N, C-alpha and C. Protein backbone atom coordinates (compact mmCIF):
# COMPACT_ATOMS: atom_id res chain seq x y z
N UNK A 1 0.77 -1.03 0.09
CA UNK A 1 -0.02 0.36 0.05
C UNK A 1 0.74 1.11 -0.06
N UNK A 2 2.26 1.13 0.45
CA UNK A 2 2.88 2.43 0.51
C UNK A 2 3.35 2.51 -0.93
N UNK A 3 3.59 1.59 -1.70
CA UNK A 3 4.39 2.01 -2.86
C UNK A 3 2.86 2.75 -4.13
N UNK A 4 1.60 2.32 -3.55
CA UNK A 4 0.82 2.97 -4.12
C UNK A 4 0.25 4.37 -3.92
N UNK A 5 0.39 4.46 -2.51
CA UNK A 5 0.63 5.73 -2.28
C UNK A 5 2.06 6.58 -2.46
N UNK A 6 2.92 6.19 -2.33
CA UNK A 6 3.90 6.91 -3.13
C UNK A 6 3.52 7.23 -4.72
N UNK A 7 3.40 6.11 -5.40
CA UNK A 7 2.78 6.66 -6.68
C UNK A 7 1.64 7.79 -6.82
N UNK A 8 0.77 7.57 -6.11
CA UNK A 8 -0.43 8.68 -6.19
C UNK A 8 -0.08 10.29 -5.63
N UNK A 9 1.42 10.14 -4.82
CA UNK A 9 1.59 10.92 -4.52
C UNK A 9 2.38 12.42 -5.46
N UNK A 10 2.73 11.02 -6.62
CA UNK A 10 3.77 11.96 -7.36
C UNK A 10 2.64 11.97 -8.42
N UNK A 11 1.50 11.04 -8.96
CA UNK A 11 0.71 11.58 -9.64
C UNK A 11 -0.10 13.13 -8.88
N UNK A 12 -0.01 13.30 -8.00
CA UNK A 12 -0.39 14.66 -7.29
C UNK A 12 -0.10 16.01 -8.04
N UNK A 13 1.13 15.38 -8.28
CA UNK A 13 1.86 16.97 -8.87
C UNK A 13 1.31 17.00 -10.65
N UNK A 14 1.04 15.90 -10.87
CA UNK A 14 0.46 16.89 -12.14
C UNK A 14 -1.19 17.07 -12.27
N UNK A 15 -1.95 16.76 -11.09
CA UNK A 15 -3.24 17.40 -10.53
C UNK A 15 -2.62 18.99 -10.05
N UNK A 16 -1.82 19.25 -9.58
CA UNK A 16 -1.39 20.30 -9.31
C UNK A 16 -0.82 21.42 -10.08
N UNK A 17 -0.38 20.57 -10.89
CA UNK A 17 0.40 21.23 -12.31
C UNK A 17 -1.27 21.68 -13.25
N UNK A 18 -1.98 20.93 -13.40
CA UNK A 18 -3.43 21.33 -13.78
C UNK A 18 -4.14 22.44 -13.16
N UNK A 19 -4.37 22.32 -11.82
CA UNK A 19 -4.57 23.59 -10.96
C UNK A 19 -4.03 24.89 -11.50
N UNK A 20 -2.68 24.62 -11.62
CA UNK A 20 -2.12 25.73 -11.61
C UNK A 20 -2.34 26.40 -13.29
N UNK A 21 -2.23 25.51 -14.43
CA UNK A 21 -2.56 26.08 -15.71
C UNK A 21 -4.03 26.60 -15.62
N UNK A 22 -5.08 25.74 -14.84
CA UNK A 22 -6.58 26.23 -14.83
C UNK A 22 -6.57 27.63 -14.19
N UNK A 23 -5.72 28.01 -13.16
CA UNK A 23 -5.69 29.57 -12.75
C UNK A 23 -5.01 30.38 -13.61
N UNK A 24 -3.79 29.91 -14.54
CA UNK A 24 -3.56 30.88 -15.67
C UNK A 24 -4.53 31.10 -16.21
N UNK A 25 -5.04 30.20 -16.83
CA UNK A 25 -6.04 30.67 -17.97
C UNK A 25 -7.52 31.11 -17.29
N UNK A 26 -7.63 30.93 -16.25
CA UNK A 26 -8.93 32.00 -15.54
C UNK A 26 -8.52 33.47 -15.54
N UNK A 27 -7.24 33.85 -15.10
CA UNK A 27 -6.31 35.25 -14.59
C UNK A 27 -6.30 35.68 -16.80
N UNK A 28 -5.83 34.75 -17.31
CA UNK A 28 -5.80 35.44 -19.08
C UNK A 28 -7.34 35.70 -19.60
N UNK A 29 -8.38 34.92 -19.21
CA UNK A 29 -9.74 35.13 -19.61
C UNK A 29 -10.25 36.45 -19.15
N UNK A 30 -10.12 36.52 -17.46
CA UNK A 30 -10.72 37.88 -16.80
C UNK A 30 -9.65 39.17 -17.30
N UNK A 31 -8.25 39.19 -17.81
CA UNK A 31 -7.52 40.00 -18.39
C UNK A 31 -7.82 40.59 -19.79
N UNK A 32 -8.10 39.05 -20.48
CA UNK A 32 -8.38 39.81 -22.12
C UNK A 32 -9.80 40.37 -22.02
N UNK A 33 -10.88 39.87 -21.30
CA UNK A 33 -12.41 40.14 -21.47
C UNK A 33 -12.42 41.42 -20.52
N UNK A 34 -11.80 41.80 -19.67
CA UNK A 34 -11.71 43.26 -18.92
C UNK A 34 -11.29 44.32 -19.83
N UNK A 35 -10.09 43.84 -20.65
CA UNK A 35 -9.34 44.66 -21.65
C UNK A 35 -10.28 45.13 -22.76
N UNK A 36 -10.86 43.76 -23.36
CA UNK A 36 -11.86 43.98 -24.43
C UNK A 36 -13.17 45.07 -24.11
N UNK A 37 -13.43 45.05 -22.94
CA UNK A 37 -14.59 45.80 -22.49
C UNK A 37 -13.85 47.19 -22.01
N UNK A 38 -12.90 47.12 -21.88
CA UNK A 38 -12.39 48.94 -21.50
C UNK A 38 -11.98 49.49 -22.71
N UNK A 39 -11.37 48.52 -23.78
CA UNK A 39 -11.14 49.10 -25.35
C UNK A 39 -12.48 49.57 -25.87
N UNK A 40 -13.34 48.78 -25.69
CA UNK A 40 -14.78 49.25 -26.59
C UNK A 40 -15.23 50.58 -25.72
N UNK A 41 -15.58 50.14 -24.64
CA UNK A 41 -15.71 51.71 -23.80
C UNK A 41 -15.04 52.70 -24.15
N UNK A 42 -13.54 53.03 -23.85
CA UNK A 42 -12.85 53.80 -24.13
C UNK A 42 -12.50 54.33 -25.43
N UNK A 43 -12.10 53.07 -26.70
CA UNK A 43 -11.91 53.85 -27.89
C UNK A 43 -12.99 53.33 -28.99
N UNK A 44 -14.07 52.85 -28.57
CA UNK A 44 -15.28 52.45 -29.33
C UNK A 44 -14.43 51.26 -30.13
N UNK A 45 -13.62 50.14 -29.95
CA UNK A 45 -13.11 49.51 -30.96
C UNK A 45 -12.83 48.29 -29.91
N UNK A 46 -13.27 47.04 -30.68
CA UNK A 46 -13.03 45.86 -29.39
C UNK A 46 -11.51 45.41 -29.79
N UNK A 47 -11.23 44.55 -29.05
CA UNK A 47 -9.72 43.71 -29.34
C UNK A 47 -9.89 42.53 -30.33
N UNK A 48 -9.44 42.89 -31.57
CA UNK A 48 -9.62 41.73 -32.76
C UNK A 48 -9.32 40.68 -31.90
N UNK A 49 -10.43 39.59 -32.05
CA UNK A 49 -10.34 38.09 -32.09
C UNK A 49 -10.44 37.87 -30.18
N UNK A 50 -10.61 38.79 -29.69
CA UNK A 50 -10.32 38.19 -28.13
C UNK A 50 -11.40 37.56 -27.68
N UNK A 51 -12.86 37.28 -28.30
CA UNK A 51 -13.74 36.46 -28.02
C UNK A 51 -13.54 34.79 -28.62
N UNK A 52 -12.96 35.08 -29.50
CA UNK A 52 -12.16 33.53 -30.36
C UNK A 52 -11.03 33.13 -29.63
N UNK A 53 -10.25 33.79 -28.78
CA UNK A 53 -9.04 33.59 -28.15
C UNK A 53 -9.40 32.88 -26.96
N UNK A 54 -10.66 33.73 -25.86
CA UNK A 54 -11.11 32.87 -24.85
C UNK A 54 -11.73 31.79 -25.41
N UNK A 55 -12.81 32.14 -26.03
CA UNK A 55 -13.47 30.52 -26.44
C UNK A 55 -12.55 29.37 -26.63
N UNK A 56 -11.60 29.75 -27.63
CA UNK A 56 -11.28 28.29 -27.98
C UNK A 56 -9.48 27.98 -27.28
N UNK A 57 -8.49 28.93 -26.45
CA UNK A 57 -7.87 28.98 -25.97
C UNK A 57 -8.01 28.69 -24.53
N UNK A 58 -8.40 29.85 -24.02
CA UNK A 58 -8.53 29.68 -22.82
C UNK A 58 -9.65 28.96 -21.75
N UNK A 59 -10.82 29.08 -22.49
CA UNK A 59 -11.62 27.75 -22.01
C UNK A 59 -11.31 26.60 -21.79
N UNK A 60 -11.12 26.22 -23.10
CA UNK A 60 -10.42 24.45 -22.87
C UNK A 60 -9.39 24.39 -21.80
N UNK A 61 -8.11 25.53 -21.91
CA UNK A 61 -7.37 25.38 -20.96
C UNK A 61 -7.83 25.32 -19.55
N UNK A 62 -8.52 26.15 -19.12
CA UNK A 62 -9.03 26.05 -17.52
C UNK A 62 -10.06 25.06 -17.61
N UNK A 63 -10.77 24.21 -18.12
CA UNK A 63 -11.65 23.34 -18.26
C UNK A 63 -11.15 22.03 -17.98
N UNK A 64 -10.16 21.42 -18.73
CA UNK A 64 -9.61 20.33 -19.31
C UNK A 64 -8.49 20.24 -18.49
N UNK A 65 -7.85 21.03 -17.39
CA UNK A 65 -6.68 20.94 -16.58
C UNK A 65 -7.38 20.78 -15.47
N UNK A 66 -8.56 21.25 -14.87
CA UNK A 66 -9.04 21.16 -13.53
C UNK A 66 -10.33 19.94 -13.38
N UNK A 67 -10.23 19.14 -14.74
CA UNK A 67 -11.41 18.37 -14.73
C UNK A 67 -10.85 17.31 -13.69
N UNK A 68 -9.71 17.06 -13.64
CA UNK A 68 -8.66 15.69 -13.03
C UNK A 68 -9.20 16.15 -11.39
N UNK A 69 -8.94 17.23 -11.18
CA UNK A 69 -8.83 17.95 -9.46
C UNK A 69 -10.31 17.32 -9.05
N UNK A 70 -11.19 18.28 -9.91
CA UNK A 70 -12.83 18.10 -9.50
C UNK A 70 -12.93 16.26 -9.29
N UNK A 71 -12.74 15.63 -10.33
CA UNK A 71 -13.02 13.92 -9.87
C UNK A 71 -12.14 13.69 -8.56
N UNK A 72 -10.99 14.11 -8.26
CA UNK A 72 -10.28 13.36 -7.09
C UNK A 72 -11.16 13.72 -5.83
N UNK A 73 -11.63 14.98 -6.02
CA UNK A 73 -12.06 15.26 -4.70
C UNK A 73 -13.39 15.15 -4.20
N UNK A 74 -13.97 14.16 -5.11
CA UNK A 74 -14.95 13.46 -4.88
C UNK A 74 -16.34 14.42 -5.03
N UNK A 75 -16.11 15.43 -5.36
CA UNK A 75 -17.66 16.35 -5.83
C UNK A 75 -18.34 16.07 -6.68
N UNK A 76 -17.98 14.65 -7.48
CA UNK A 76 -18.80 14.35 -8.59
C UNK A 76 -20.04 13.62 -7.84
N UNK A 77 -21.27 13.60 -8.39
CA UNK A 77 -22.25 12.85 -7.67
C UNK A 77 -22.19 11.35 -7.72
N UNK A 78 -22.56 11.22 -6.24
CA UNK A 78 -22.26 9.55 -6.15
C UNK A 78 -23.55 9.05 -5.67
N UNK A 79 -24.08 7.66 -5.85
CA UNK A 79 -25.19 7.14 -5.45
C UNK A 79 -24.96 6.56 -3.97
N UNK A 80 -24.47 6.54 -3.17
CA UNK A 80 -23.68 6.19 -1.99
C UNK A 80 -25.39 5.49 -1.10
N UNK A 81 -26.25 7.08 -0.97
CA UNK A 81 -27.74 6.87 -0.30
C UNK A 81 -28.45 5.37 -1.25
N UNK A 82 -28.15 4.96 -2.06
CA UNK A 82 -29.33 3.75 -2.77
C UNK A 82 -28.26 2.41 -2.15
N UNK A 83 -26.89 2.54 -1.93
CA UNK A 83 -26.59 1.09 -1.32
C UNK A 83 -25.84 1.26 0.17
N UNK A 84 -25.85 2.07 0.92
CA UNK A 84 -25.58 2.09 2.03
C UNK A 84 -26.29 1.42 3.33
N UNK A 85 -27.54 1.10 2.70
CA UNK A 85 -28.07 0.10 3.82
C UNK A 85 -27.85 -1.53 3.47
N UNK A 86 -26.90 -1.78 2.16
CA UNK A 86 -26.58 -2.89 1.88
C UNK A 86 -25.45 -3.57 2.45
N UNK A 87 -25.25 -4.71 2.74
CA UNK A 87 -24.36 -5.39 3.78
C UNK A 87 -22.73 -4.83 2.98
N UNK A 88 -21.85 -4.36 3.84
CA UNK A 88 -20.71 -4.16 3.34
C UNK A 88 -19.40 -4.80 1.87
N UNK A 89 -20.11 -6.20 2.00
CA UNK A 89 -19.88 -6.88 0.93
C UNK A 89 -20.03 -6.47 -0.45
N UNK A 90 -21.43 -6.37 0.00
CA UNK A 90 -22.11 -5.76 -1.28
C UNK A 90 -21.81 -4.50 -1.69
N UNK A 91 -21.86 -3.59 -0.89
CA UNK A 91 -21.11 -2.18 -1.07
C UNK A 91 -19.65 -2.36 -1.60
N UNK A 92 -18.99 -3.11 -1.53
CA UNK A 92 -17.52 -3.27 -2.12
C UNK A 92 -17.81 -3.88 -3.31
N UNK A 93 -18.63 -4.91 -3.68
CA UNK A 93 -18.90 -5.29 -4.69
C UNK A 93 -19.19 -4.21 -6.10
N UNK A 94 -20.27 -3.41 -5.36
CA UNK A 94 -20.68 -2.49 -5.95
C UNK A 94 -20.18 -0.95 -6.29
N UNK A 95 -19.19 -0.69 -5.73
CA UNK A 95 -17.96 0.15 -5.73
C UNK A 95 -17.08 -0.51 -6.97
N UNK A 96 -16.75 -1.66 -6.68
CA UNK A 96 -16.04 -1.81 -7.62
C UNK A 96 -16.58 -2.16 -9.13
N UNK A 97 -17.50 -2.31 -9.14
CA UNK A 97 -18.36 -2.31 -10.58
C UNK A 97 -18.29 -0.80 -10.95
N UNK A 98 -19.07 0.01 -10.27
CA UNK A 98 -18.86 1.16 -10.24
C UNK A 98 -17.90 1.71 -11.08
N UNK A 99 -16.53 1.87 -10.13
CA UNK A 99 -15.41 2.14 -10.67
C UNK A 99 -14.47 1.54 -12.05
N UNK A 100 -15.02 0.48 -12.21
CA UNK A 100 -14.91 -0.13 -13.71
C UNK A 100 -15.81 0.37 -14.48
N UNK A 101 -17.11 0.73 -14.37
CA UNK A 101 -17.84 1.13 -15.26
C UNK A 101 -17.19 2.71 -15.94
N UNK A 102 -16.67 3.49 -14.61
CA UNK A 102 -16.13 4.76 -14.56
C UNK A 102 -15.12 4.61 -15.75
N UNK A 103 -14.32 3.80 -15.49
CA UNK A 103 -13.08 3.63 -16.11
C UNK A 103 -13.19 3.07 -17.24
N UNK A 104 -13.73 2.34 -17.83
CA UNK A 104 -14.13 1.99 -19.26
C UNK A 104 -14.82 3.63 -20.02
N UNK A 105 -15.66 3.76 -19.45
CA UNK A 105 -16.02 5.34 -19.68
C UNK A 105 -15.04 6.44 -20.18
N UNK A 106 -14.05 6.68 -19.48
CA UNK A 106 -12.88 7.39 -19.07
C UNK A 106 -12.01 7.07 -20.65
N UNK A 107 -12.09 5.70 -20.72
CA UNK A 107 -11.15 5.36 -21.52
C UNK A 107 -11.56 5.30 -23.11
N UNK A 108 -12.86 5.18 -23.03
CA UNK A 108 -13.57 5.24 -24.37
C UNK A 108 -13.70 6.71 -24.57
N UNK A 109 -13.68 7.59 -23.80
CA UNK A 109 -13.76 9.03 -24.23
C UNK A 109 -12.15 9.43 -24.74
N UNK A 110 -11.39 9.08 -23.60
CA UNK A 110 -9.97 9.42 -24.12
C UNK A 110 -9.71 8.90 -25.07
N UNK A 111 -10.01 7.56 -26.01
CA UNK A 111 -9.39 6.97 -27.22
C UNK A 111 -10.26 7.76 -28.14
N UNK A 112 -11.51 7.98 -28.31
CA UNK A 112 -12.11 9.02 -29.08
C UNK A 112 -11.30 10.08 -29.47
N UNK A 113 -11.65 11.19 -28.14
CA UNK A 113 -11.08 12.50 -27.98
C UNK A 113 -9.48 12.52 -28.39
N UNK A 114 -8.81 11.43 -28.30
CA UNK A 114 -7.33 11.41 -28.80
C UNK A 114 -7.49 11.45 -30.53
N UNK A 115 -8.38 10.23 -31.17
CA UNK A 115 -8.57 10.34 -32.13
C UNK A 115 -8.75 11.36 -32.87
N UNK A 116 -9.65 12.45 -32.19
CA UNK A 116 -9.90 13.24 -32.79
C UNK A 116 -8.84 14.57 -33.08
N UNK A 117 -8.38 14.89 -31.65
CA UNK A 117 -6.79 15.42 -31.39
C UNK A 117 -5.84 15.28 -32.86
N UNK A 118 -5.70 13.89 -33.29
CA UNK A 118 -4.96 13.58 -34.39
C UNK A 118 -5.85 13.98 -35.75
N UNK A 119 -6.76 13.86 -35.69
CA UNK A 119 -7.56 14.53 -37.25
C UNK A 119 -7.17 15.86 -37.27
N UNK A 120 -6.88 16.33 -35.91
CA UNK A 120 -7.24 17.91 -36.06
C UNK A 120 -5.87 18.56 -36.14
N UNK A 121 -4.76 17.44 -36.17
CA UNK A 121 -3.37 17.73 -36.22
C UNK A 121 -2.96 17.45 -37.97
N UNK A 122 -3.61 17.04 -38.42
CA UNK A 122 -3.61 16.16 -39.74
C UNK A 122 -4.36 17.35 -40.59
N UNK A 123 -5.35 17.80 -40.41
CA UNK A 123 -6.01 18.99 -40.97
C UNK A 123 -6.22 20.12 -40.59
N UNK A 124 -4.67 20.43 -39.39
CA UNK A 124 -4.52 21.93 -39.75
C UNK A 124 -5.45 22.43 -39.07
N UNK A 125 -6.44 21.99 -37.73
CA UNK A 125 -7.89 22.82 -37.46
C UNK A 125 -7.26 24.77 -36.71
N UNK A 126 -8.03 25.27 -37.18
CA UNK A 126 -7.57 26.79 -37.13
C UNK A 126 -9.13 27.59 -36.95
N UNK A 127 -8.87 28.54 -36.30
CA UNK A 127 -10.03 29.40 -35.99
C UNK A 127 -9.62 31.04 -36.53
N UNK A 128 -10.48 31.44 -37.12
CA UNK A 128 -9.90 33.02 -37.68
C UNK A 128 -10.21 33.91 -36.61
N UNK A 129 -9.37 34.67 -36.18
CA UNK A 129 -9.07 35.82 -35.12
C UNK A 129 -8.83 37.19 -35.58
N UNK A 130 -9.62 37.98 -36.09
CA UNK A 130 -8.83 39.13 -36.27
C UNK A 130 -8.27 39.23 -37.31
N UNK A 131 -8.58 38.53 -38.47
CA UNK A 131 -8.01 38.52 -39.67
C UNK A 131 -6.46 37.34 -39.57
N UNK A 132 -6.37 36.42 -38.83
CA UNK A 132 -5.63 35.83 -38.56
C UNK A 132 -6.33 34.52 -38.22
N UNK A 133 -5.41 33.39 -38.67
CA UNK A 133 -5.81 32.02 -38.34
C UNK A 133 -4.72 31.31 -37.25
N UNK A 134 -5.63 30.95 -36.31
CA UNK A 134 -4.77 30.86 -34.91
C UNK A 134 -4.63 29.05 -34.97
N UNK A 135 -3.70 28.24 -35.03
CA UNK A 135 -3.95 27.02 -34.43
C UNK A 135 -5.06 26.68 -33.51
N UNK A 136 -5.93 25.74 -33.40
CA UNK A 136 -6.57 25.01 -32.04
C UNK A 136 -5.79 23.80 -32.30
N UNK A 137 -5.50 22.88 -32.80
CA UNK A 137 -4.92 21.41 -32.68
C UNK A 137 -4.13 21.02 -31.62
N UNK A 138 -3.58 22.30 -31.14
CA UNK A 138 -2.98 21.65 -30.04
C UNK A 138 -3.41 21.54 -28.60
N UNK A 139 -4.74 22.36 -28.83
CA UNK A 139 -5.29 22.30 -27.31
C UNK A 139 -6.56 21.08 -27.29
N UNK A 140 -6.48 20.59 -28.66
CA UNK A 140 -7.60 20.00 -28.61
C UNK A 140 -6.99 18.25 -27.77
N UNK A 141 -5.63 18.65 -27.60
CA UNK A 141 -5.25 17.14 -26.64
C UNK A 141 -5.39 17.28 -25.37
N UNK A 142 -5.81 18.73 -24.69
CA UNK A 142 -6.11 18.73 -23.55
C UNK A 142 -7.50 17.88 -23.45
N UNK A 143 -8.22 17.52 -24.15
CA UNK A 143 -9.72 16.81 -23.83
C UNK A 143 -9.33 15.64 -23.55
N UNK A 144 -8.21 14.98 -24.21
CA UNK A 144 -7.89 13.32 -24.19
C UNK A 144 -6.81 13.18 -22.81
N UNK A 145 -6.33 14.29 -22.65
CA UNK A 145 -5.29 14.25 -21.48
C UNK A 145 -6.21 14.47 -20.26
N UNK A 146 -7.30 15.19 -20.30
CA UNK A 146 -7.73 15.04 -18.78
C UNK A 146 -8.74 13.86 -18.75
N UNK A 147 -9.37 13.29 -19.61
CA UNK A 147 -10.00 12.22 -19.69
C UNK A 147 -8.84 11.23 -19.21
N UNK A 148 -7.74 11.03 -19.54
CA UNK A 148 -6.44 10.01 -19.26
C UNK A 148 -6.22 10.18 -17.68
N UNK A 149 -5.89 11.49 -17.33
CA UNK A 149 -6.37 11.63 -16.11
C UNK A 149 -7.09 11.05 -15.22
N UNK A 150 -8.53 10.90 -15.58
CA UNK A 150 -9.52 10.52 -14.85
C UNK A 150 -9.37 9.53 -14.76
N UNK A 151 -9.23 8.83 -16.01
CA UNK A 151 -8.72 7.02 -15.90
C UNK A 151 -7.78 6.73 -15.23
N UNK A 152 -6.77 7.41 -14.74
CA UNK A 152 -5.14 7.08 -14.17
C UNK A 152 -6.19 7.09 -12.81
N UNK A 153 -6.59 8.08 -12.14
CA UNK A 153 -7.25 8.53 -10.83
C UNK A 153 -8.45 7.40 -10.31
N UNK A 154 -9.33 6.64 -11.31
CA UNK A 154 -9.89 5.91 -11.01
C UNK A 154 -9.02 4.58 -11.01
N UNK A 155 -7.93 4.02 -11.69
CA UNK A 155 -6.96 2.81 -11.52
C UNK A 155 -6.88 3.40 -9.80
N UNK A 156 -5.87 3.85 -9.60
CA UNK A 156 -5.37 4.22 -8.16
C UNK A 156 -6.67 3.91 -7.25
N UNK A 157 -7.88 4.24 -7.53
CA UNK A 157 -8.92 4.19 -6.47
C UNK A 157 -9.44 3.19 -6.34
N UNK A 158 -9.50 2.56 -7.48
CA UNK A 158 -9.86 1.03 -8.02
C UNK A 158 -9.10 -0.04 -7.29
N UNK A 159 -7.55 0.38 -7.07
CA UNK A 159 -6.44 -0.25 -6.66
C UNK A 159 -6.55 -0.38 -4.81
N UNK A 160 -6.98 0.81 -4.39
CA UNK A 160 -6.80 0.93 -3.25
C UNK A 160 -7.80 0.46 -2.52
N UNK A 161 -8.99 0.15 -3.09
CA UNK A 161 -10.55 -0.52 -3.09
C UNK A 161 -10.07 -1.90 -2.85
N UNK A 162 -9.45 -2.26 -4.00
CA UNK A 162 -9.26 -3.85 -3.88
C UNK A 162 -7.98 -4.16 -2.27
N UNK A 163 -7.01 -3.67 -2.47
CA UNK A 163 -5.95 -3.56 -1.44
C UNK A 163 -6.49 -3.69 0.11
N UNK A 164 -7.76 -2.91 0.20
CA UNK A 164 -8.04 -2.41 1.58
C UNK A 164 -9.59 -3.00 1.83
N UNK A 165 -9.91 -3.28 3.18
CA UNK A 165 -11.14 -3.67 3.49
C UNK A 165 -12.01 -2.51 3.61
N UNK A 166 -11.78 -1.09 3.91
CA UNK A 166 -12.81 -0.29 4.00
C UNK A 166 -12.99 0.10 2.26
N UNK A 167 -13.96 1.04 2.24
CA UNK A 167 -14.69 1.69 0.96
C UNK A 167 -13.86 2.80 0.67
N UNK A 168 -13.46 2.97 -0.29
CA UNK A 168 -12.67 4.40 -0.45
C UNK A 168 -13.51 4.87 -1.75
N UNK A 169 -14.20 5.98 -1.64
CA UNK A 169 -14.89 6.81 -2.85
C UNK A 169 -13.88 7.71 -3.72
N UNK A 170 -12.90 7.95 -3.15
CA UNK A 170 -11.68 8.63 -3.98
C UNK A 170 -10.57 8.07 -3.26
N UNK A 171 -9.38 8.15 -3.43
CA UNK A 171 -8.02 7.89 -2.55
C UNK A 171 -7.69 8.54 -1.61
N UNK A 172 -8.25 9.88 -1.47
CA UNK A 172 -8.20 10.21 0.08
C UNK A 172 -9.48 9.86 1.25
N UNK A 173 -10.42 9.52 0.39
CA UNK A 173 -11.71 10.01 1.13
C UNK A 173 -12.57 8.86 1.58
N UNK A 174 -12.93 8.14 2.27
CA UNK A 174 -13.16 6.54 2.93
C UNK A 174 -14.56 7.05 2.74
N UNK A 175 -15.76 6.22 2.35
CA UNK A 175 -16.89 6.15 2.60
C UNK A 175 -17.16 5.81 4.15
N UNK A 176 -18.49 6.71 4.66
CA UNK A 176 -18.52 6.28 6.17
C UNK A 176 -20.03 6.76 5.52
N UNK A 177 -20.73 6.07 6.82
CA UNK A 177 -22.21 6.30 6.92
C UNK A 177 -22.41 8.02 7.42
N UNK A 178 -21.81 8.18 7.91
CA UNK A 178 -22.23 10.18 8.48
C UNK A 178 -21.76 10.61 7.16
N UNK A 179 -20.86 10.12 6.44
CA UNK A 179 -20.67 10.94 4.86
C UNK A 179 -21.95 11.01 3.93
N UNK A 180 -22.63 9.97 4.11
CA UNK A 180 -23.47 9.69 3.15
C UNK A 180 -24.63 10.47 4.15
N UNK A 181 -25.13 10.53 5.32
CA UNK A 181 -26.27 10.98 5.95
C UNK A 181 -25.76 12.49 5.75
N UNK A 182 -24.51 13.15 5.40
CA UNK A 182 -24.44 14.65 5.59
C UNK A 182 -24.81 15.29 3.93
N UNK A 183 -24.59 14.47 3.21
CA UNK A 183 -24.90 14.67 1.80
C UNK A 183 -26.29 15.12 1.70
N UNK A 184 -26.22 16.40 0.76
CA UNK A 184 -27.43 17.00 0.34
C UNK A 184 -27.75 16.07 -0.79
N UNK A 185 -29.35 16.01 -0.74
CA UNK A 185 -29.49 15.31 -2.29
C UNK A 185 -30.69 15.75 -2.72
N UNK A 186 -30.72 16.23 -4.43
CA UNK A 186 -31.75 17.09 -4.71
C UNK A 186 -32.92 16.04 -5.57
N UNK A 187 -33.81 16.29 -4.92
CA UNK A 187 -35.23 15.12 -5.81
C UNK A 187 -35.79 15.55 -6.84
């Protein structure tokens, strides 16, 4: 279990890098949008291509670099309320099955978005902004990287659940009856 924890700690550096990149992208979005609004109000001219740059560069950089962190914190919806009344052994089996389904879905998303990214490179996907063509294909790789990160996170959680007797929702968060009772459910 120590080797698994150490490997997860190394993986944590990639999550922190994603948080850092997402923060930079958010700052860039705020700066460019504010500059564009000021430019429109002061000079009556917009910054050429600012909307397209925010939409195609900053939004993808902010979204797909932070998705791994969001998944790993356990904020994604879970159905623990349904299975909390079942015996612990059944809960463990259902959790492992759910993690396997999530892993398969994450790997499928990774595969298909990676194929799309390679198509974008081959065809030279770009968008026009301010009379210039900006390449978008390098940013297409953020999507499969984000989903591959989720798949790796799921593998870590899956392995921790296999090697441990407890139920782990995330690598660091254990499922408990108090946790399930504290959650707010929307009906």
